[in-house]
PDB file of N, CA and C in Angstrom:
ATOM      1  N   MET A   1      -1.394  -6.252  10.242  1.00  0.00           N
ATOM      2  CA  MET A   1      -0.568  -5.904   9.119  1.00  0.00           C
ATOM      3  C   MET A   1      -1.449  -5.836   7.890  1.00  0.00           C
ATOM      4  N   SER A   2      -1.250  -4.788   7.107  1.00  0.00           N
ATOM      5  CA  SER A   2      -1.968  -4.602   5.849  1.00  0.00           C
ATOM      6  C   SER A   2      -0.965  -4.455   4.722  1.00  0.00           C
ATOM      7  N   VAL A   3      -1.333  -4.974   3.550  1.00  0.00           N
ATOM      8  CA  VAL A   3      -0.479  -4.897   2.376  1.00  0.00           C
ATOM      9  C   VAL A   3      -1.308  -4.345   1.225  1.00  0.00           C
ATOM     10  N   ALA A   4      -0.739  -3.368   0.521  1.00  0.00           N
ATOM     11  CA  ALA A   4      -1.375  -2.802  -0.675  1.00  0.00           C
ATOM     12  C   ALA A   4      -0.427  -3.031  -1.852  1.00  0.00           C
ATOM     13  N   GLU A   5      -0.950  -3.618  -2.930  1.00  0.00           N
ATOM     14  CA  GLU A   5      -0.140  -3.887  -4.115  1.00  0.00           C
ATOM     15  C   GLU A   5      -0.867  -3.360  -5.342  1.00  0.00           C
ATOM     16  N   GLY A   6      -0.091  -2.941  -6.323  1.00  0.00           N
ATOM     17  CA  GLY A   6      -0.686  -2.461  -7.556  1.00  0.00           C
ATOM     18  C   GLY A   6       0.285  -2.543  -8.711  1.00  0.00           C
ATOM     19  N   VAL A   7      -0.263  -2.622  -9.919  1.00  0.00           N
ATOM     20  CA  VAL A   7       0.550  -2.680 -11.131  1.00  0.00           C
ATOM     21  C   VAL A   7      -0.018  -1.725 -12.165  1.00  0.00           C
ATOM     22  N   LEU A   8       0.855  -1.271 -13.046  1.00  0.00           N
ATOM     23  CA  LEU A   8       0.468  -0.493 -14.213  1.00  0.00           C
ATOM     24  C   LEU A   8       0.896  -1.322 -15.413  1.00  0.00           C
ATOM     25  N   ILE A   9      -0.094  -1.859 -16.136  1.00  0.00           N
ATOM     26  CA  ILE A   9       0.188  -2.797 -17.213  1.00  0.00           C
ATOM     27  C   ILE A   9      -0.561  -2.369 -18.475  1.00  0.00           C
ATOM     28  N   ASP A  10       0.062  -2.601 -19.619  1.00  0.00           N
ATOM     29  CA  ASP A  10      -0.569  -2.324 -20.910  1.00  0.00           C
ATOM     30  C   ASP A  10      -1.296  -3.591 -21.349  1.00  0.00           C
ATOM     31  N   ASN A  11      -2.608  -3.512 -21.524  1.00  0.00           N
ATOM     32  CA  ASN A  11      -3.399  -4.684 -21.885  1.00  0.00           C
ATOM     33  C   ASN A  11      -3.120  -5.172 -23.301  1.00  0.00           C
ATOM     34  N   ARG A  12      -2.714  -4.293 -24.185  1.00  0.00           N
ATOM     35  CA  ARG A  12      -2.488  -4.697 -25.575  1.00  0.00           C
ATOM     36  C   ARG A  12      -1.248  -5.560 -25.736  1.00  0.00           C
ATOM     37  N   ASN A  13      -0.144  -5.125 -25.167  1.00  0.00           N
ATOM     38  CA  ASN A  13       1.091  -5.882 -25.347  1.00  0.00           C
ATOM     39  C   ASN A  13       1.558  -6.576 -24.063  1.00  0.00           C
ATOM     40  N   GLU A  14       0.773  -6.492 -23.014  1.00  0.00           N
ATOM     41  CA  GLU A  14       1.044  -7.136 -21.728  1.00  0.00           C
ATOM     42  C   GLU A  14       2.383  -6.705 -21.119  1.00  0.00           C
ATOM     43  N   TYR A  15       2.768  -5.454 -21.371  1.00  0.00           N
ATOM     44  CA  TYR A  15       4.009  -4.919 -20.819  1.00  0.00           C
ATOM     45  C   TYR A  15       3.744  -4.361 -19.431  1.00  0.00           C
ATOM     46  N   LEU A  16       4.555  -4.754 -18.478  1.00  0.00           N
ATOM     47  CA  LEU A  16       4.446  -4.273 -17.103  1.00  0.00           C
ATOM     48  C   LEU A  16       5.283  -3.010 -16.956  1.00  0.00           C
ATOM     49  N   TYR A  17       4.616  -1.888 -16.713  1.00  0.00           N
ATOM     50  CA  TYR A  17       5.313  -0.608 -16.596  1.00  0.00           C
ATOM     51  C   TYR A  17       5.765  -0.313 -15.168  1.00  0.00           C
ATOM     52  N   ALA A  18       4.930  -0.648 -14.206  1.00  0.00           N
ATOM     53  CA  ALA A  18       5.276  -0.327 -12.819  1.00  0.00           C
ATOM     54  C   ALA A  18       4.604  -1.328 -11.880  1.00  0.00           C
ATOM     55  N   PHE A  19       5.281  -1.621 -10.790  1.00  0.00           N
ATOM     56  CA  PHE A  19       4.747  -2.480  -9.733  1.00  0.00           C
ATOM     57  C   PHE A  19       5.170  -1.885  -8.403  1.00  0.00           C
ATOM     58  N   ALA A  20       4.249  -1.855  -7.465  1.00  0.00           N
ATOM     59  CA  ALA A  20       4.589  -1.310  -6.145  1.00  0.00           C
ATOM     60  C   ALA A  20       3.855  -2.088  -5.059  1.00  0.00           C
ATOM     61  N   ARG A  21       4.474  -2.105  -3.888  1.00  0.00           N
ATOM     62  CA  ARG A  21       3.885  -2.755  -2.723  1.00  0.00           C
ATOM     63  C   ARG A  21       4.123  -1.858  -1.513  1.00  0.00           C
ATOM     64  N   GLY A  22       3.090  -1.690  -0.732  1.00  0.00           N
ATOM     65  CA  GLY A  22       3.207  -0.923   0.502  1.00  0.00           C
ATOM     66  C   GLY A  22       2.716  -1.748   1.671  1.00  0.00           C
ATOM     67  N   GLN A  23       3.392  -1.641   2.798  1.00  0.00           N
ATOM     68  CA  GLN A  23       3.013  -2.388   3.989  1.00  0.00           C
ATOM     69  C   GLN A  23       2.795  -1.443   5.154  1.00  0.00           C
ATOM     70  N   GLY A  24       1.836  -1.788   5.962  1.00  0.00           N
ATOM     71  CA  GLY A  24       1.573  -1.009   7.164  1.00  0.00           C
ATOM     72  C   GLY A  24       1.266  -1.930   8.324  1.00  0.00           C
ATOM     73  N   GLU A  25       1.736  -1.554   9.480  1.00  0.00           N
ATOM     74  CA  GLU A  25       1.524  -2.374  10.668  1.00  0.00           C
ATOM     75  C   GLU A  25       1.118  -1.484  11.829  1.00  0.00           C
ATOM     76  N   SER A  26       0.167  -1.960  12.595  1.00  0.00           N
ATOM     77  CA  SER A  26      -0.288  -1.222  13.758  1.00  0.00           C
ATOM     78  C   SER A  26      -0.549  -2.221  14.886  1.00  0.00           C
ATOM     79  N   LYS A  27      -0.243  -1.805  16.103  1.00  0.00           N
ATOM     80  CA  LYS A  27      -0.410  -2.695  17.254  1.00  0.00           C
ATOM     81  C   LYS A  27      -1.173  -1.982  18.352  1.00  0.00           C
ATOM     82  N   SER A  28      -1.858  -2.788  19.134  1.00  0.00           N
ATOM     83  CA  SER A  28      -2.572  -2.272  20.292  1.00  0.00           C
ATOM     84  C   SER A  28      -2.521  -3.334  21.384  1.00  0.00           C
ATOM     85  N   LEU A  29      -2.180  -2.915  22.560  1.00  0.00           N
ATOM     86  CA  LEU A  29      -2.089  -3.845  23.689  1.00  0.00           C
ATOM     87  C   LEU A  29      -3.073  -3.392  24.761  1.00  0.00           C
ATOM     88  N   ARG A  30      -4.139  -4.160  24.918  1.00  0.00           N
ATOM     89  CA  ARG A  30      -5.147  -3.889  25.940  1.00  0.00           C
ATOM     90  C   ARG A  30      -5.938  -5.158  26.221  1.00  0.00           C
ATOM     91  N   PRO A  31      -6.669  -5.165  27.291  1.00  0.00           N
ATOM     92  CA  PRO A  31      -7.499  -6.336  27.585  1.00  0.00           C
ATOM     93  C   PRO A  31      -8.525  -6.573  26.464  1.00  0.00           C
ATOM     94  N   LEU A  32      -8.848  -7.837  26.231  1.00  0.00           N
ATOM     95  CA  LEU A  32      -9.747  -8.202  25.142  1.00  0.00           C
ATOM     96  C   LEU A  32     -11.098  -7.497  25.236  1.00  0.00           C
ATOM     97  N   ILE A  33     -11.575  -7.281  26.425  1.00  0.00           N
ATOM     98  CA  ILE A  33     -12.880  -6.639  26.591  1.00  0.00           C
ATOM     99  C   ILE A  33     -12.885  -5.198  26.065  1.00  0.00           C
ATOM    100  N   TYR A  34     -11.720  -4.551  26.045  1.00  0.00           N
ATOM    101  CA  TYR A  34     -11.615  -3.179  25.567  1.00  0.00           C
ATOM    102  C   TYR A  34     -11.009  -3.082  24.169  1.00  0.00           C
ATOM    103  N   ALA A  35     -10.838  -4.202  23.517  1.00  0.00           N
ATOM    104  CA  ALA A  35     -10.185  -4.214  22.199  1.00  0.00           C
ATOM    105  C   ALA A  35     -11.025  -3.451  21.174  1.00  0.00           C
ATOM    106  N   ASP A  36     -10.358  -2.592  20.430  1.00  0.00           N
ATOM    107  CA  ASP A  36     -10.996  -1.840  19.355  1.00  0.00           C
ATOM    108  C   ASP A  36     -10.210  -2.135  18.074  1.00  0.00           C
ATOM    109  N   THR A  37     -10.564  -3.233  17.415  1.00  0.00           N
ATOM    110  CA  THR A  37      -9.806  -3.659  16.246  1.00  0.00           C
ATOM    111  C   THR A  37     -10.002  -2.734  15.057  1.00  0.00           C
ATOM    112  N   ALA A  38     -11.120  -2.047  14.972  1.00  0.00           N
ATOM    113  CA  ALA A  38     -11.388  -1.178  13.818  1.00  0.00           C
ATOM    114  C   ALA A  38     -10.350  -0.060  13.706  1.00  0.00           C
ATOM    115  N   SER A  39      -9.973   0.547  14.814  1.00  0.00           N
ATOM    116  CA  SER A  39      -8.998   1.636  14.759  1.00  0.00           C
ATOM    117  C   SER A  39      -7.600   1.121  14.411  1.00  0.00           C
ATOM    118  N   VAL A  40      -7.256  -0.071  14.883  1.00  0.00           N
ATOM    119  CA  VAL A  40      -5.951  -0.654  14.570  1.00  0.00           C
ATOM    120  C   VAL A  40      -5.891  -1.036  13.093  1.00  0.00           C
ATOM    121  N   VAL A  41      -6.940  -1.641  12.583  1.00  0.00           N
ATOM    122  CA  VAL A  41      -6.997  -2.012  11.162  1.00  0.00           C
ATOM    123  C   VAL A  41      -6.943  -0.763  10.293  1.00  0.00           C
ATOM    124  N   HIS A  42      -7.683   0.249  10.668  1.00  0.00           N
ATOM    125  CA  HIS A  42      -7.701   1.493   9.888  1.00  0.00           C
ATOM    126  C   HIS A  42      -6.312   2.125   9.822  1.00  0.00           C
ATOM    127  N   SER A  43      -5.632   2.214  10.940  1.00  0.00           N
ATOM    128  CA  SER A  43      -4.321   2.856  10.937  1.00  0.00           C
ATOM    129  C   SER A  43      -3.293   2.043  10.146  1.00  0.00           C
ATOM    130  N   SER A  44      -3.366   0.718  10.186  1.00  0.00           N
ATOM    131  CA  SER A  44      -2.426  -0.090   9.397  1.00  0.00           C
ATOM    132  C   SER A  44      -2.722   0.031   7.907  1.00  0.00           C
ATOM    133  N   ARG A  45      -3.994   0.138   7.525  1.00  0.00           N
ATOM    134  CA  ARG A  45      -4.348   0.316   6.115  1.00  0.00           C
ATOM    135  C   ARG A  45      -3.910   1.684   5.595  1.00  0.00           C
ATOM    136  N   VAL A  46      -4.073   2.703   6.397  1.00  0.00           N
ATOM    137  CA  VAL A  46      -3.636   4.044   5.993  1.00  0.00           C
ATOM    138  C   VAL A  46      -2.126   4.063   5.799  1.00  0.00           C
ATOM    139  N   GLU A  47      -1.388   3.451   6.701  1.00  0.00           N
ATOM    140  CA  GLU A  47       0.066   3.390   6.578  1.00  0.00           C
ATOM    141  C   GLU A  47       0.479   2.613   5.327  1.00  0.00           C
ATOM    142  N   ALA A  48      -0.208   1.502   5.039  1.00  0.00           N
ATOM    143  CA  ALA A  48       0.098   0.709   3.850  1.00  0.00           C
ATOM    144  C   ALA A  48      -0.173   1.503   2.581  1.00  0.00           C
ATOM    145  N   LEU A  49      -1.276   2.230   2.531  1.00  0.00           N
ATOM    146  CA  LEU A  49      -1.603   3.031   1.347  1.00  0.00           C
ATOM    147  C   LEU A  49      -0.627   4.183   1.157  1.00  0.00           C
ATOM    148  N   ARG A  50      -0.173   4.777   2.231  1.00  0.00           N
ATOM    149  CA  ARG A  50       0.811   5.861   2.112  1.00  0.00           C
ATOM    150  C   ARG A  50       2.143   5.354   1.577  1.00  0.00           C
ATOM    151  N   SER A  51       2.594   4.216   2.073  1.00  0.00           N
ATOM    152  CA  SER A  51       3.856   3.683   1.567  1.00  0.00           C
ATOM    153  C   SER A  51       3.697   3.164   0.138  1.00  0.00           C
ATOM    154  N   PHE A  52       2.519   2.626  -0.202  1.00  0.00           N
ATOM    155  CA  PHE A  52       2.249   2.208  -1.580  1.00  0.00           C
ATOM    156  C   PHE A  52       2.261   3.409  -2.511  1.00  0.00           C
ATOM    157  N   ASP A  53       1.622   4.477  -2.097  1.00  0.00           N
ATOM    158  CA  ASP A  53       1.546   5.698  -2.904  1.00  0.00           C
ATOM    159  C   ASP A  53       2.941   6.201  -3.254  1.00  0.00           C
ATOM    160  N   LYS A  54       3.808   6.260  -2.269  1.00  0.00           N
ATOM    161  CA  LYS A  54       5.168   6.741  -2.504  1.00  0.00           C
ATOM    162  C   LYS A  54       5.926   5.804  -3.447  1.00  0.00           C
ATOM    163  N   ALA A  55       5.829   4.506  -3.216  1.00  0.00           N
ATOM    164  CA  ALA A  55       6.546   3.535  -4.057  1.00  0.00           C
ATOM    165  C   ALA A  55       6.010   3.544  -5.487  1.00  0.00           C
ATOM    166  N   PHE A  56       4.697   3.627  -5.645  1.00  0.00           N
ATOM    167  CA  PHE A  56       4.112   3.602  -6.988  1.00  0.00           C
ATOM    168  C   PHE A  56       4.462   4.869  -7.765  1.00  0.00           C
ATOM    169  N   LEU A  57       4.415   6.017  -7.097  1.00  0.00           N
ATOM    170  CA  LEU A  57       4.775   7.262  -7.774  1.00  0.00           C
ATOM    171  C   LEU A  57       6.241   7.283  -8.166  1.00  0.00           C
ATOM    172  N   ASP A  58       7.117   6.715  -7.342  1.00  0.00           N
ATOM    173  CA  ASP A  58       8.532   6.624  -7.705  1.00  0.00           C
ATOM    174  C   ASP A  58       8.717   5.785  -8.957  1.00  0.00           C
ATOM    175  N   GLN A  59       7.997   4.675  -9.056  1.00  0.00           N
ATOM    176  CA  GLN A  59       8.068   3.824 -10.247  1.00  0.00           C
ATOM    177  C   GLN A  59       7.490   4.547 -11.471  1.00  0.00           C
ATOM    178  N   ALA A  60       6.371   5.214 -11.317  1.00  0.00           N
ATOM    179  CA  ALA A  60       5.725   5.890 -12.437  1.00  0.00           C
ATOM    180  C   ALA A  60       6.548   7.080 -12.929  1.00  0.00           C
ATOM    181  N   ARG A  61       7.235   7.766 -12.045  1.00  0.00           N
ATOM    182  CA  ARG A  61       8.060   8.913 -12.440  1.00  0.00           C
ATOM    183  C   ARG A  61       9.219   8.511 -13.346  1.00  0.00           C
ATOM    184  N   GLN A  62       9.665   7.276 -13.212  1.00  0.00           N
ATOM    185  CA  GLN A  62      10.734   6.790 -14.063  1.00  0.00           C
ATOM    186  C   GLN A  62      10.265   6.618 -15.506  1.00  0.00           C
ATOM    187  N   LEU A  63       8.948   6.552 -15.715  1.00  0.00           N
ATOM    188  CA  LEU A  63       8.404   6.391 -17.059  1.00  0.00           C
ATOM    189  C   LEU A  63       8.217   7.712 -17.774  1.00  0.00           C
ATOM    190  N   ALA A  64       8.281   8.808 -17.055  1.00  0.00           N
ATOM    191  CA  ALA A  64       8.018  10.134 -17.645  1.00  0.00           C
ATOM    192  C   ALA A  64       9.001  10.443 -18.748  1.00  0.00           C
ATOM    193  N   VAL A  65       8.461  10.944 -19.853  1.00  0.00           N
ATOM    194  CA  VAL A  65       9.295  11.344 -20.984  1.00  0.00           C
ATOM    195  C   VAL A  65       9.606  12.821 -20.833  1.00  0.00           C
ATOM    196  N   HIS A  66      10.878  13.165 -20.894  1.00  0.00           N
ATOM    197  CA  HIS A  66      11.290  14.568 -20.709  1.00  0.00           C
ATOM    198  C   HIS A  66      11.537  15.228 -22.020  1.00  0.00           C
TER     199      HIS A  66
END
């Protein structure tokens, strides 16, 4: 399981504009001798970043001035 978190904050007034969290999970079932943890970790991180990207952009879009 991988978790990606991020915030958009103003350093001057410490106002929190946006916060997002994305999670990704990947599983592999095989004998230990054939275990390839790098591919499982990579796929869970990619999934976490994709869900983070969507959540963060949704939060940031609410800040847009029309």
